[in-house]
Amino acid sequence: MRRRGKESPNVKTRTILTYSDRFDPNRAAWDSARCSAPDVTGYDYCSMRGIVSREYGYVDPDGNFVAERLTRPKKPGLYTAYLQVVDEYGAKSYPATASIQLKGNVPEIPKPTVQLTYPTGTRDNPTLEHGTRPTIHWRQDDPAGHSFTGYEVQIMDSQGSLVISSGETSQNAPAHSTASWQVTTDLIRGELYQVRVRAQNPYYWTEWSNIGWMVINSAPSVVITNPNGPDAYNPTLILDNKRPAIAWVQSDGQKNYYAKMYIEILNETGDMVYNTGWNAYQNTTATTNSFQVPTDLPTGVPLQARMKVTDDDPNLWSEWSNTVWFYINMTPTVTMNVPSGTQANPTPMSPTPTVSFTQSDPDPDTTFTKYQVQFINEAGNTVLYDTGEQGQHLQGQVSVQSVSVPKDQPLPAGAKVQVRARAFDGFVWSAWSAPTWLLTNRPPTGNITFVTPIYEHDTPVFTVSVSDPDGDAIDVTVESSLNGGAFGIIQQWSGVPSGQSKAFTYGPLPQGNYTLRLSLSDGKGGTFSQIYSFVVLPLLIKGYVTHTPEWESYRLLWNEKHPGTPRAADVFWAGEAFELSATVTDTGTSTTKPQAVDATLLETGEQVKLGSSDRIRFSGQLVNPDHAQSLRSGQTYTFRFRVHWSNGLVQTDDVPVKIQGSMYDVIVNQIRH
């Protein structure tokens, strides 16, 4: 500070103090190249030198301290003037002082006043400011009519610490005017601030204005409360609702009014499935709200949702809410296929029936993992058989499952039984299917009887006897297989009354191993099957041509005399007698017997009927002395043995003989000797 003298119309001599300050060494210097550049604080340090405010005071000749600038001293005497400068953080310099002897008696003039007009809130009810750089407004009045030459606005936090100041800023405003200043840096959203202003005319600063409180509007926050699955592996399960409601809790530190919302739903890979758009309004003061999705969402896949909201500032969005996961699952349905009957007209089935049902689910990639089937009595009060929850692994939206009642746990015979089923898709059980009805039906039984042994070409009689415990008529099928080959139907009847027998013949049969299969059906699900085996035996004839004992002795004697040219047993002299014999199959108790056996010399047509005492071994003789001339030496002749069986089969056996020489060769030699 320094002092200088100047004449005045009202005071012959007075002294005016001149106040000057230097700079904040942390921010500024007289050399502009060395001052701090403007930064987020909003101050131009090169021009304001790091000083945002000044505090004036003086002590008058009576020792009274006055907290204002010394401009119009009243009393003559020694004054001490004080000046402190304040930086942007509210730190004050050490006081600068100067003493001066003044004549006093300077006429008083009215001091100017200032009134803060924005913000006007109180600490408990602050003015809500939506911007982070609000404009401060005030009214300034000078009753003496002086113009306003400067102002200072201070923004302080709720504890009174300086946040930002306009600094002592020049203005040129009328004595009665309004003024404003816009904060030059962003204030913190959600923080409470207090504001004051003072104005300056050529002589005085006004007192600091009233304190106005304001809060900088902060973005609201939002938390989705339903659905609330934490991740794709633990989603909230939503059943049978493709348009679920999203519910949330929202909060706002200032006003609790919520204008807009934005919701987006994505699939597991982050692809957009649905969003509300950024102009969806809720316009509510409620801190809880919900929104029902207006379009069908995909089912059977994990979905994720998140959202934002605004308060009454439609451009100030909250941060993203929590991300929640959910899974829409449609409940499967089950329909019985078998049985398909009603209570009035049940489906006839065996006491251990096999039933089937169709399980359906509209969700893609469904895997049915469980099922359960129940068999319930007609009154509906007793479960006759329950599969319990059984595992399965059938994939696809539609599949068919079959279940059989165990053979050792048959349903009551002759009872009406209702059947129902349900299925589990890995998330939820279906409802029980509508029941269908069956009538337990006992299967028929039967048997085939026939007489053995059976020989080839026989046409045996087979007798089929059938019965049904429920008295049902029976459909009968008999099939045959030869030597392990395919079965073929050999006899069928429909509607054979229970207790009756049916006979049929099958043949003539070639020899071999036979299998018969008897199949019975009562037309109500009851069936019966039985296998029978038998062998069709072969029939045989074996013929023999030998020498009579006399001629055999001649043959043997010849061989003794002619060892170099022996005669085999099948070599005959022309004209000697032929001993003929045949053996046929012994059929034992069978009615199939040989009816006639004969032998024919094919080259001459001579035939001999063979006789037998046991119908097994047959014999006879062909004697014709003319053979000595008719049968030629060195030739082979054939006897054909033939049997006629009672079953119509005719069999033959050919026996060759050789002619060598004539019987007279033997007879003459015998006579000579």
Foldseek 3Di string as FASTA:
>chain_A
DDKDWDQDPVDGIWIADDDDDAADVVAAHQPLVPGHPDDQQLDHCDVVRQFFEKWKWKQDQVRDIDGWHDFAAAAFAKMKIWMWTAGQFRDIDDIDIDIDTTRHNGDDADDKAKAWPPPAADPVAAAEAAFQWDKTKMWIAGVVWFWWFWKKKFKAFPVRTTNGMPGTGTDTGTRTGMDIDIRRHGHDAQTKIKMWMWIHGPGTIHDIYDIHIYGHWAWKAKAWDPPAAQAQVGAAEAEPDQWAKTKMFMDTSHDQWWFWKKKWKAFNVRHTFDIPPLRHTDGDSHRMDMDTHPDGTAADGKMKMWMWIGGPPSVRIDDIYRIHIYHYFYAKAKAWDPPAAAPVGAFFAALWGKTKMKIFGPHAFFWWFWKKKFKAFPVRPDTLDIPPIDTDTDTDRMDMDMDTRDPVRGHDAQTKIWMWMWIDRPPDIHDIYDTGIYTHAAAKDKDKDWDDDAAALAWTKIKMAIAGPVFFFKKKWKWKDFPPDDTDTDDIDGRHTGGDMDMDTDDSHGWGKMKMKIWMDRVRHHIDIDIDIHTHHYKDKDKDKFADPVVVVLLVVVCVVCVVDHDDRQEDAFQGKIKIKMFIDDRDPDPKAWDWKKKAFVVVRDIDTWDDDRSGMTIDMDGDNCSLVVPDAADKIKIKMWTQIPSGDIDIDIDIGHHHHHVVVRVVVVVVD
